[in-house]
Amino acid sequence: MTLEEARRAAVHAQLLNGTASGVLDTVQRLGFLQLDPISTVAPPQHLVLWSRLGPYDRAELDRLLWEERKLFEYDAFVYPIEDLPLQRSRMLRRRRGGKLKRDEWVRDFLAEHGRFRRSILRELEQRGPLLSRDLKEDPAPGTERHTWWGRGPLRLMLDRGARPKPSRRRSRTC
């Protein structure tokens, strides 16, 4: 393959050649969109779609995610719903815990913050689904505030620990 052929293949694979035909098609062909709430110009997911589609209806992404459920969000990425079985495997592996230093750190964090986890679960049980800003954060004195966690340990707890324990019964749904 020549350098020019490799360039053409890369541009085509990233749908930067005008072949993208809609939000769903673009996400399916790219495999995912990365989400990021920080935006200087616009959120990255909107910039990626605009760079492939030009002007498009931004409400279409929300409709595909939340109404039609043809896309889903997991771990700051948007995936086609067809990838849910693959991502559920990742979710289960992550929940069981891996062998990386990060996994050990998360297990230690959850063990040290059991009372906090139980209080979040109690709130969700009593009040139903909530925004993170609606949950009271009660970090222990001297708790390190890590800028990647957003609002302290609450984000990490919501991402990794504030889930009911899975039932022993196997679900037949995806």
N, C-alpha and C. Protein backbone atom coordinates (compact mmCIF):
# COMPACT_ATOMS: atom_id res chain seq x y z
N MET A 1 0.85 -1.17 0.00
CA MET A 1 0.00 0.00 0.00
C MET A 1 0.90 1.24 0.00
N THR A 2 0.60 2.14 -0.87
CA THR A 2 1.38 3.38 -0.93
C THR A 2 0.93 4.31 0.19
N LEU A 3 1.74 5.34 0.42
CA LEU A 3 1.40 6.32 1.44
C LEU A 3 0.07 7.00 1.10
N GLU A 4 -0.14 7.34 -0.15
CA GLU A 4 -1.40 7.98 -0.58
C GLU A 4 -2.58 7.04 -0.38
N GLU A 5 -2.43 5.76 -0.67
CA GLU A 5 -3.52 4.79 -0.45
C GLU A 5 -3.82 4.64 1.05
N ALA A 6 -2.76 4.66 1.87
CA ALA A 6 -2.96 4.57 3.32
C ALA A 6 -3.72 5.80 3.83
N ARG A 7 -3.38 6.97 3.32
CA ARG A 7 -4.10 8.19 3.71
C ARG A 7 -5.58 8.09 3.33
N ARG A 8 -5.84 7.66 2.09
CA ARG A 8 -7.23 7.52 1.64
C ARG A 8 -7.99 6.52 2.50
N ALA A 9 -7.34 5.42 2.86
CA ALA A 9 -7.99 4.40 3.70
C ALA A 9 -8.31 4.96 5.08
N ALA A 10 -7.38 5.73 5.65
CA ALA A 10 -7.60 6.31 6.98
C ALA A 10 -8.73 7.33 6.95
N VAL A 11 -8.76 8.18 5.94
CA VAL A 11 -9.83 9.18 5.80
C VAL A 11 -11.17 8.48 5.62
N HIS A 12 -11.20 7.44 4.81
CA HIS A 12 -12.44 6.68 4.59
C HIS A 12 -12.89 5.98 5.88
N ALA A 13 -11.96 5.36 6.60
CA ALA A 13 -12.31 4.64 7.83
C ALA A 13 -12.87 5.59 8.89
N GLN A 14 -12.42 6.82 8.90
CA GLN A 14 -12.90 7.80 9.88
C GLN A 14 -14.10 8.60 9.36
N LEU A 15 -14.61 8.22 8.19
CA LEU A 15 -15.79 8.86 7.58
C LEU A 15 -15.57 10.34 7.30
N LEU A 16 -14.36 10.72 7.03
CA LEU A 16 -14.05 12.12 6.74
C LEU A 16 -14.09 12.40 5.25
N ASN A 17 -14.63 11.47 4.48
CA ASN A 17 -14.69 11.60 3.02
C ASN A 17 -16.10 11.87 2.51
N GLY A 18 -17.00 12.22 3.39
CA GLY A 18 -18.36 12.53 2.97
C GLY A 18 -19.30 11.35 2.87
N THR A 19 -18.89 10.18 3.37
CA THR A 19 -19.74 8.99 3.24
C THR A 19 -20.69 8.79 4.41
N ALA A 20 -20.54 9.58 5.49
CA ALA A 20 -21.45 9.45 6.64
C ALA A 20 -22.83 9.95 6.22
N SER A 21 -23.88 9.24 6.68
CA SER A 21 -25.21 9.61 6.20
C SER A 21 -26.20 9.95 7.31
N GLY A 22 -25.79 9.90 8.57
CA GLY A 22 -26.69 10.24 9.67
C GLY A 22 -26.01 9.94 10.98
N VAL A 23 -26.61 10.39 12.06
CA VAL A 23 -26.01 10.20 13.39
C VAL A 23 -25.85 8.72 13.70
N LEU A 24 -26.90 7.94 13.56
CA LEU A 24 -26.83 6.51 13.89
C LEU A 24 -25.80 5.81 13.02
N ASP A 25 -25.86 6.05 11.72
CA ASP A 25 -24.90 5.43 10.79
C ASP A 25 -23.46 5.80 11.17
N THR A 26 -23.25 7.05 11.52
CA THR A 26 -21.91 7.51 11.87
C THR A 26 -21.39 6.80 13.12
N VAL A 27 -22.21 6.73 14.17
CA VAL A 27 -21.78 6.07 15.40
C VAL A 27 -21.55 4.58 15.14
N GLN A 28 -22.44 3.96 14.37
CA GLN A 28 -22.26 2.53 14.08
C GLN A 28 -20.97 2.28 13.31
N ARG A 29 -20.68 3.11 12.33
CA ARG A 29 -19.50 2.89 11.50
C ARG A 29 -18.20 3.26 12.23
N LEU A 30 -18.24 4.30 13.08
CA LEU A 30 -17.05 4.65 13.86
C LEU A 30 -16.85 3.69 15.02
N GLY A 31 -17.94 3.13 15.54
CA GLY A 31 -17.86 2.21 16.68
C GLY A 31 -18.26 2.86 17.99
N PHE A 32 -18.01 4.15 18.15
CA PHE A 32 -18.37 4.87 19.37
C PHE A 32 -18.13 6.36 19.17
N LEU A 33 -18.69 7.14 20.08
CA LEU A 33 -18.38 8.57 20.22
C LEU A 33 -17.94 8.77 21.65
N GLN A 34 -16.91 9.53 21.86
CA GLN A 34 -16.50 9.85 23.22
C GLN A 34 -17.28 11.06 23.71
N LEU A 35 -17.78 10.97 24.94
CA LEU A 35 -18.48 12.08 25.57
C LEU A 35 -17.52 12.86 26.44
N ASP A 36 -17.72 14.14 26.52
CA ASP A 36 -16.95 14.96 27.43
C ASP A 36 -17.75 16.21 27.70
N PRO A 37 -18.06 16.47 28.98
CA PRO A 37 -18.87 17.65 29.29
C PRO A 37 -18.12 18.97 29.14
N ILE A 38 -16.80 18.91 29.06
CA ILE A 38 -16.00 20.12 28.93
C ILE A 38 -15.92 20.47 27.46
N SER A 39 -16.33 21.69 27.14
CA SER A 39 -16.31 22.07 25.73
C SER A 39 -15.90 23.52 25.59
N THR A 40 -14.88 23.74 24.82
CA THR A 40 -14.45 25.09 24.53
C THR A 40 -15.31 25.66 23.41
N VAL A 41 -15.52 24.87 22.39
CA VAL A 41 -16.36 25.28 21.26
C VAL A 41 -17.69 24.56 21.34
N ALA A 42 -17.64 23.24 21.49
CA ALA A 42 -18.83 22.40 21.60
C ALA A 42 -18.37 21.07 22.19
N PRO A 43 -19.28 20.29 22.76
CA PRO A 43 -18.88 18.98 23.28
C PRO A 43 -18.29 18.12 22.15
N PRO A 44 -17.27 17.33 22.44
CA PRO A 44 -16.61 16.53 21.41
C PRO A 44 -17.55 15.67 20.58
N GLN A 45 -18.57 15.08 21.23
CA GLN A 45 -19.48 14.24 20.47
C GLN A 45 -20.18 15.04 19.37
N HIS A 46 -20.48 16.30 19.63
CA HIS A 46 -21.12 17.14 18.61
C HIS A 46 -20.13 17.54 17.53
N LEU A 47 -18.88 17.81 17.93
CA LEU A 47 -17.86 18.17 16.94
C LEU A 47 -17.56 17.01 15.99
N VAL A 48 -17.47 15.80 16.55
CA VAL A 48 -17.19 14.63 15.71
C VAL A 48 -18.31 14.44 14.70
N LEU A 49 -19.55 14.52 15.15
CA LEU A 49 -20.68 14.36 14.23
C LEU A 49 -20.71 15.48 13.19
N TRP A 50 -20.48 16.72 13.62
CA TRP A 50 -20.48 17.83 12.68
C TRP A 50 -19.38 17.67 11.64
N SER A 51 -18.20 17.19 12.06
CA SER A 51 -17.09 17.04 11.11
C SER A 51 -17.38 15.97 10.07
N ARG A 52 -18.29 15.05 10.39
CA ARG A 52 -18.64 14.00 9.43
C ARG A 52 -19.90 14.32 8.64
N LEU A 53 -20.85 15.01 9.29
CA LEU A 53 -22.16 15.22 8.68
C LEU A 53 -22.42 16.66 8.24
N GLY A 54 -21.59 17.60 8.72
CA GLY A 54 -21.91 19.00 8.50
C GLY A 54 -23.05 19.38 9.45
N PRO A 55 -23.80 20.42 9.13
CA PRO A 55 -24.92 20.79 10.00
C PRO A 55 -25.89 19.61 10.15
N TYR A 56 -26.23 19.30 11.38
CA TYR A 56 -27.15 18.19 11.65
C TYR A 56 -28.00 18.56 12.86
N ASP A 57 -29.07 17.83 13.06
CA ASP A 57 -29.99 18.08 14.18
C ASP A 57 -29.40 17.45 15.43
N ARG A 58 -28.91 18.28 16.36
CA ARG A 58 -28.28 17.75 17.58
C ARG A 58 -29.28 16.99 18.45
N ALA A 59 -30.56 17.28 18.31
CA ALA A 59 -31.58 16.55 19.07
C ALA A 59 -31.66 15.09 18.63
N GLU A 60 -31.16 14.79 17.43
CA GLU A 60 -31.19 13.40 16.95
C GLU A 60 -30.34 12.49 17.84
N LEU A 61 -29.21 12.97 18.31
CA LEU A 61 -28.37 12.17 19.19
C LEU A 61 -29.13 11.84 20.48
N ASP A 62 -29.76 12.83 21.08
CA ASP A 62 -30.55 12.58 22.29
C ASP A 62 -31.71 11.64 22.02
N ARG A 63 -32.38 11.81 20.90
CA ARG A 63 -33.50 10.92 20.56
C ARG A 63 -33.03 9.47 20.40
N LEU A 64 -31.90 9.28 19.72
CA LEU A 64 -31.36 7.93 19.53
C LEU A 64 -30.92 7.31 20.85
N LEU A 65 -30.44 8.14 21.77
CA LEU A 65 -30.01 7.65 23.09
C LEU A 65 -31.19 7.37 24.01
N TRP A 66 -32.08 8.32 24.18
CA TRP A 66 -33.05 8.28 25.27
C TRP A 66 -34.46 7.87 24.85
N GLU A 67 -34.83 8.03 23.59
CA GLU A 67 -36.17 7.65 23.17
C GLU A 67 -36.16 6.35 22.37
N GLU A 68 -35.40 6.34 21.29
CA GLU A 68 -35.37 5.15 20.44
C GLU A 68 -34.46 4.06 20.98
N ARG A 69 -33.53 4.43 21.84
CA ARG A 69 -32.59 3.48 22.46
C ARG A 69 -31.79 2.68 21.43
N LYS A 70 -31.41 3.34 20.35
CA LYS A 70 -30.56 2.70 19.34
C LYS A 70 -29.09 2.92 19.65
N LEU A 71 -28.82 3.84 20.60
CA LEU A 71 -27.49 4.10 21.11
C LEU A 71 -27.57 4.04 22.63
N PHE A 72 -26.44 3.78 23.28
CA PHE A 72 -26.40 3.82 24.74
C PHE A 72 -25.08 4.42 25.18
N GLU A 73 -25.08 4.95 26.40
CA GLU A 73 -23.89 5.57 26.96
C GLU A 73 -23.33 4.67 28.05
N TYR A 74 -22.03 4.47 28.01
CA TYR A 74 -21.34 3.74 29.07
C TYR A 74 -19.93 4.28 29.18
N ASP A 75 -19.55 4.63 30.39
CA ASP A 75 -18.18 5.03 30.70
C ASP A 75 -17.68 6.16 29.79
N ALA A 76 -18.54 7.17 29.59
CA ALA A 76 -18.22 8.37 28.81
C ALA A 76 -18.07 8.11 27.32
N PHE A 77 -18.72 7.07 26.82
CA PHE A 77 -18.75 6.80 25.38
C PHE A 77 -20.18 6.48 24.98
N VAL A 78 -20.52 6.79 23.74
CA VAL A 78 -21.80 6.42 23.15
C VAL A 78 -21.52 5.28 22.18
N TYR A 79 -22.27 4.19 22.33
CA TYR A 79 -22.09 3.01 21.50
C TYR A 79 -23.40 2.65 20.80
N PRO A 80 -23.33 1.97 19.66
CA PRO A 80 -24.55 1.42 19.06
C PRO A 80 -25.11 0.33 19.98
N ILE A 81 -26.42 0.21 20.04
CA ILE A 81 -27.06 -0.76 20.93
C ILE A 81 -26.61 -2.19 20.62
N GLU A 82 -26.22 -2.44 19.40
CA GLU A 82 -25.73 -3.78 19.03
C GLU A 82 -24.48 -4.17 19.82
N ASP A 83 -23.76 -3.18 20.34
CA ASP A 83 -22.55 -3.45 21.12
C ASP A 83 -22.82 -3.69 22.60
N LEU A 84 -24.09 -3.61 23.02
CA LEU A 84 -24.40 -3.76 24.44
C LEU A 84 -23.91 -5.09 25.02
N PRO A 85 -24.11 -6.24 24.35
CA PRO A 85 -23.58 -7.48 24.93
C PRO A 85 -22.06 -7.45 25.17
N LEU A 86 -21.32 -6.84 24.26
CA LEU A 86 -19.87 -6.73 24.45
C LEU A 86 -19.54 -5.83 25.63
N GLN A 87 -20.24 -4.70 25.73
CA GLN A 87 -19.97 -3.77 26.82
C GLN A 87 -20.43 -4.34 28.16
N ARG A 88 -21.51 -5.13 28.16
CA ARG A 88 -21.94 -5.75 29.42
C ARG A 88 -20.86 -6.70 29.94
N SER A 89 -20.17 -7.34 29.04
CA SER A 89 -19.05 -8.19 29.44
C SER A 89 -17.98 -7.36 30.13
N ARG A 90 -17.67 -6.18 29.57
CA ARG A 90 -16.70 -5.28 30.20
C ARG A 90 -17.20 -4.81 31.55
N MET A 91 -18.50 -4.50 31.63
CA MET A 91 -19.09 -4.03 32.89
C MET A 91 -18.94 -5.09 33.97
N LEU A 92 -19.24 -6.34 33.61
CA LEU A 92 -19.15 -7.43 34.57
C LEU A 92 -17.71 -7.64 35.01
N ARG A 93 -16.79 -7.61 34.07
CA ARG A 93 -15.37 -7.79 34.40
C ARG A 93 -14.91 -6.66 35.33
N ARG A 94 -15.34 -5.43 35.04
CA ARG A 94 -14.96 -4.29 35.88
C ARG A 94 -15.57 -4.43 37.26
N ARG A 95 -16.82 -4.88 37.32
CA ARG A 95 -17.49 -5.03 38.62
C ARG A 95 -16.80 -6.09 39.47
N ARG A 96 -16.36 -7.17 38.83
CA ARG A 96 -15.65 -8.22 39.58
C ARG A 96 -14.29 -7.73 40.04
N GLY A 97 -13.76 -6.76 39.31
CA GLY A 97 -12.46 -6.22 39.69
C GLY A 97 -11.35 -6.89 38.91
N GLY A 98 -10.45 -6.10 38.48
CA GLY A 98 -9.34 -6.62 37.70
C GLY A 98 -8.08 -6.70 38.54
N LYS A 99 -6.97 -6.83 37.85
CA LYS A 99 -5.69 -6.99 38.53
C LYS A 99 -4.81 -5.74 38.43
N LEU A 100 -5.34 -4.69 37.82
CA LEU A 100 -4.56 -3.46 37.69
C LEU A 100 -4.52 -2.71 39.02
N LYS A 101 -3.53 -1.86 39.17
CA LYS A 101 -3.40 -1.03 40.37
C LYS A 101 -4.66 -0.18 40.57
N ARG A 102 -5.22 0.32 39.45
CA ARG A 102 -6.45 1.11 39.52
C ARG A 102 -7.59 0.30 40.13
N ASP A 103 -7.71 -0.97 39.74
CA ASP A 103 -8.77 -1.84 40.27
C ASP A 103 -8.58 -2.05 41.78
N GLU A 104 -7.33 -2.23 42.20
CA GLU A 104 -7.03 -2.39 43.63
C GLU A 104 -7.41 -1.11 44.38
N TRP A 105 -7.09 0.04 43.79
CA TRP A 105 -7.41 1.31 44.42
C TRP A 105 -8.93 1.48 44.56
N VAL A 106 -9.69 1.12 43.53
CA VAL A 106 -11.16 1.22 43.59
C VAL A 106 -11.71 0.30 44.67
N ARG A 107 -11.21 -0.94 44.75
CA ARG A 107 -11.67 -1.87 45.79
C ARG A 107 -11.39 -1.30 47.18
N ASP A 108 -10.19 -0.73 47.37
CA ASP A 108 -9.86 -0.12 48.66
C ASP A 108 -10.78 1.06 48.96
N PHE A 109 -11.03 1.88 47.96
CA PHE A 109 -11.91 3.03 48.12
C PHE A 109 -13.31 2.58 48.56
N LEU A 110 -13.85 1.57 47.89
CA LEU A 110 -15.19 1.08 48.23
C LEU A 110 -15.22 0.48 49.63
N ALA A 111 -14.16 -0.23 50.01
CA ALA A 111 -14.11 -0.82 51.35
C ALA A 111 -14.05 0.27 52.42
N GLU A 112 -13.30 1.33 52.16
CA GLU A 112 -13.14 2.41 53.14
C GLU A 112 -14.38 3.31 53.23
N HIS A 113 -15.22 3.32 52.21
CA HIS A 113 -16.35 4.24 52.15
C HIS A 113 -17.68 3.50 52.14
N GLY A 114 -17.77 2.40 52.86
CA GLY A 114 -18.99 1.60 52.91
C GLY A 114 -20.19 2.37 53.42
N ARG A 115 -19.98 3.20 54.46
CA ARG A 115 -21.09 3.97 55.02
C ARG A 115 -21.63 4.96 53.98
N PHE A 116 -20.74 5.59 53.25
CA PHE A 116 -21.12 6.54 52.21
C PHE A 116 -21.91 5.83 51.10
N ARG A 117 -21.44 4.65 50.70
CA ARG A 117 -22.12 3.86 49.68
C ARG A 117 -23.54 3.52 50.13
N ARG A 118 -23.67 3.05 51.36
CA ARG A 118 -25.00 2.68 51.88
C ARG A 118 -25.93 3.89 51.92
N SER A 119 -25.40 5.06 52.28
CA SER A 119 -26.26 6.26 52.34
C SER A 119 -26.75 6.65 50.94
N ILE A 120 -25.90 6.53 49.93
CA ILE A 120 -26.32 6.83 48.55
C ILE A 120 -27.38 5.85 48.10
N LEU A 121 -27.15 4.56 48.35
CA LEU A 121 -28.14 3.56 47.95
C LEU A 121 -29.48 3.78 48.66
N ARG A 122 -29.42 4.17 49.93
CA ARG A 122 -30.65 4.45 50.68
C ARG A 122 -31.41 5.63 50.05
N GLU A 123 -30.67 6.69 49.72
CA GLU A 123 -31.29 7.86 49.07
C GLU A 123 -31.95 7.47 47.75
N LEU A 124 -31.26 6.69 46.93
CA LEU A 124 -31.81 6.29 45.64
C LEU A 124 -33.03 5.38 45.82
N GLU A 125 -32.99 4.52 46.82
CA GLU A 125 -34.12 3.65 47.10
C GLU A 125 -35.34 4.45 47.54
N GLN A 126 -35.12 5.45 48.38
CA GLN A 126 -36.23 6.25 48.92
C GLN A 126 -36.76 7.26 47.92
N ARG A 127 -35.85 7.90 47.15
CA ARG A 127 -36.27 9.00 46.30
C ARG A 127 -36.28 8.67 44.81
N GLY A 128 -35.81 7.49 44.43
CA GLY A 128 -35.77 7.14 43.02
C GLY A 128 -34.57 7.77 42.32
N PRO A 129 -34.55 7.73 40.98
CA PRO A 129 -33.42 8.29 40.23
C PRO A 129 -33.22 9.77 40.55
N LEU A 130 -31.95 10.15 40.74
CA LEU A 130 -31.61 11.52 41.10
C LEU A 130 -30.42 12.00 40.28
N LEU A 131 -30.30 13.29 40.15
CA LEU A 131 -29.09 13.87 39.60
C LEU A 131 -28.02 13.84 40.68
N SER A 132 -26.77 13.78 40.29
CA SER A 132 -25.70 13.72 41.29
C SER A 132 -25.73 14.94 42.20
N ARG A 133 -26.12 16.09 41.67
CA ARG A 133 -26.15 17.30 42.50
C ARG A 133 -27.23 17.23 43.58
N ASP A 134 -28.18 16.29 43.44
CA ASP A 134 -29.23 16.13 44.44
C ASP A 134 -28.80 15.23 45.60
N LEU A 135 -27.64 14.62 45.48
CA LEU A 135 -27.14 13.75 46.54
C LEU A 135 -26.21 14.52 47.45
N LYS A 136 -26.35 14.30 48.73
CA LYS A 136 -25.49 14.98 49.70
C LYS A 136 -24.17 14.23 49.82
N GLU A 137 -23.11 14.97 49.69
CA GLU A 137 -21.79 14.37 49.83
C GLU A 137 -21.27 14.67 51.22
N ASP A 138 -20.86 13.63 51.92
CA ASP A 138 -20.37 13.78 53.29
C ASP A 138 -19.00 13.12 53.41
N PRO A 139 -17.98 13.72 52.76
CA PRO A 139 -16.66 13.08 52.82
C PRO A 139 -16.07 13.15 54.22
N ALA A 140 -15.27 12.17 54.50
CA ALA A 140 -14.60 12.13 55.81
C ALA A 140 -13.63 13.30 55.91
N PRO A 141 -13.39 13.79 57.13
CA PRO A 141 -12.43 14.89 57.31
C PRO A 141 -11.07 14.49 56.73
N GLY A 142 -10.44 15.43 56.05
CA GLY A 142 -9.12 15.18 55.49
C GLY A 142 -9.15 14.36 54.20
N THR A 143 -10.35 14.08 53.66
CA THR A 143 -10.44 13.32 52.42
C THR A 143 -9.86 14.14 51.27
N GLU A 144 -9.02 13.51 50.50
CA GLU A 144 -8.40 14.17 49.36
C GLU A 144 -9.44 14.47 48.30
N ARG A 145 -9.44 15.68 47.77
CA ARG A 145 -10.34 16.03 46.67
C ARG A 145 -9.54 15.91 45.38
N HIS A 146 -9.96 15.00 44.54
CA HIS A 146 -9.28 14.75 43.28
C HIS A 146 -10.06 15.44 42.17
N THR A 147 -9.38 16.25 41.38
CA THR A 147 -10.07 17.05 40.38
C THR A 147 -10.76 16.19 39.32
N TRP A 148 -10.30 14.99 39.07
CA TRP A 148 -10.95 14.16 38.05
C TRP A 148 -12.26 13.58 38.55
N TRP A 149 -12.51 13.61 39.82
CA TRP A 149 -13.75 13.07 40.36
C TRP A 149 -14.90 14.04 40.25
N GLY A 150 -14.64 15.24 39.81
CA GLY A 150 -15.71 16.22 39.78
C GLY A 150 -15.98 16.70 41.19
N ARG A 151 -17.08 16.27 41.78
CA ARG A 151 -17.47 16.71 43.12
C ARG A 151 -16.91 15.78 44.18
N GLY A 152 -15.64 15.56 44.20
CA GLY A 152 -15.05 14.71 45.23
C GLY A 152 -15.36 13.24 44.99
N PRO A 153 -15.42 12.45 46.06
CA PRO A 153 -15.59 11.01 45.91
C PRO A 153 -16.99 10.59 45.43
N LEU A 154 -17.94 11.53 45.39
CA LEU A 154 -19.29 11.17 44.95
C LEU A 154 -19.28 10.59 43.55
N ARG A 155 -18.57 11.21 42.64
CA ARG A 155 -18.56 10.72 41.26
C ARG A 155 -17.97 9.30 41.18
N LEU A 156 -16.89 9.09 41.87
CA LEU A 156 -16.29 7.75 41.85
C LEU A 156 -17.26 6.73 42.45
N MET A 157 -17.92 7.10 43.52
CA MET A 157 -18.88 6.19 44.15
C MET A 157 -20.03 5.89 43.18
N LEU A 158 -20.52 6.90 42.48
CA LEU A 158 -21.61 6.67 41.54
C LEU A 158 -21.15 5.83 40.35
N ASP A 159 -19.93 6.05 39.90
CA ASP A 159 -19.41 5.28 38.77
C ASP A 159 -19.10 3.83 39.13
N ARG A 160 -18.61 3.61 40.35
CA ARG A 160 -18.09 2.28 40.67
C ARG A 160 -18.80 1.54 41.80
N GLY A 161 -19.39 2.26 42.74
CA GLY A 161 -19.83 1.55 43.91
C GLY A 161 -21.28 1.65 44.30
N ALA A 162 -21.97 2.69 43.90
CA ALA A 162 -23.34 2.88 44.38
C ALA A 162 -24.32 2.14 43.47
N ARG A 163 -24.16 0.84 43.44
CA ARG A 163 -25.06 -0.01 42.68
C ARG A 163 -25.56 -1.09 43.61
N PRO A 164 -26.82 -1.45 43.46
CA PRO A 164 -27.28 -2.59 44.25
C PRO A 164 -26.49 -3.82 43.86
N LYS A 165 -26.34 -4.73 44.78
CA LYS A 165 -25.65 -5.97 44.46
C LYS A 165 -26.47 -6.71 43.42
N PRO A 166 -25.81 -7.33 42.42
CA PRO A 166 -26.56 -8.05 41.39
C PRO A 166 -27.28 -9.25 41.99
N SER A 167 -28.44 -9.53 41.45
CA SER A 167 -29.17 -10.69 41.96
C SER A 167 -28.50 -11.95 41.45
N ARG A 168 -28.72 -13.02 42.11
CA ARG A 168 -28.10 -14.29 41.72
C ARG A 168 -28.79 -14.87 40.48
N ARG A 169 -30.06 -14.44 40.25
CA ARG A 169 -30.77 -14.95 39.09
C ARG A 169 -30.20 -14.34 37.84
N ARG A 170 -30.16 -15.07 36.79
CA ARG A 170 -29.66 -14.56 35.53
C ARG A 170 -30.80 -13.95 34.76
N SER A 171 -30.56 -12.81 34.22
CA SER A 171 -31.57 -12.13 33.42
C SER A 171 -31.53 -12.64 31.99
N ARG A 172 -32.68 -12.69 31.36
CA ARG A 172 -32.73 -13.13 29.96
C ARG A 172 -32.63 -11.95 29.00
N THR A 173 -32.60 -10.74 29.50
CA THR A 173 -32.49 -9.58 28.63
C THR A 173 -31.04 -9.22 28.43
N CYS A 174 -30.78 -8.41 27.43
CA CYS A 174 -29.40 -7.94 27.16
C CYS A 174 -28.90 -7.07 28.25
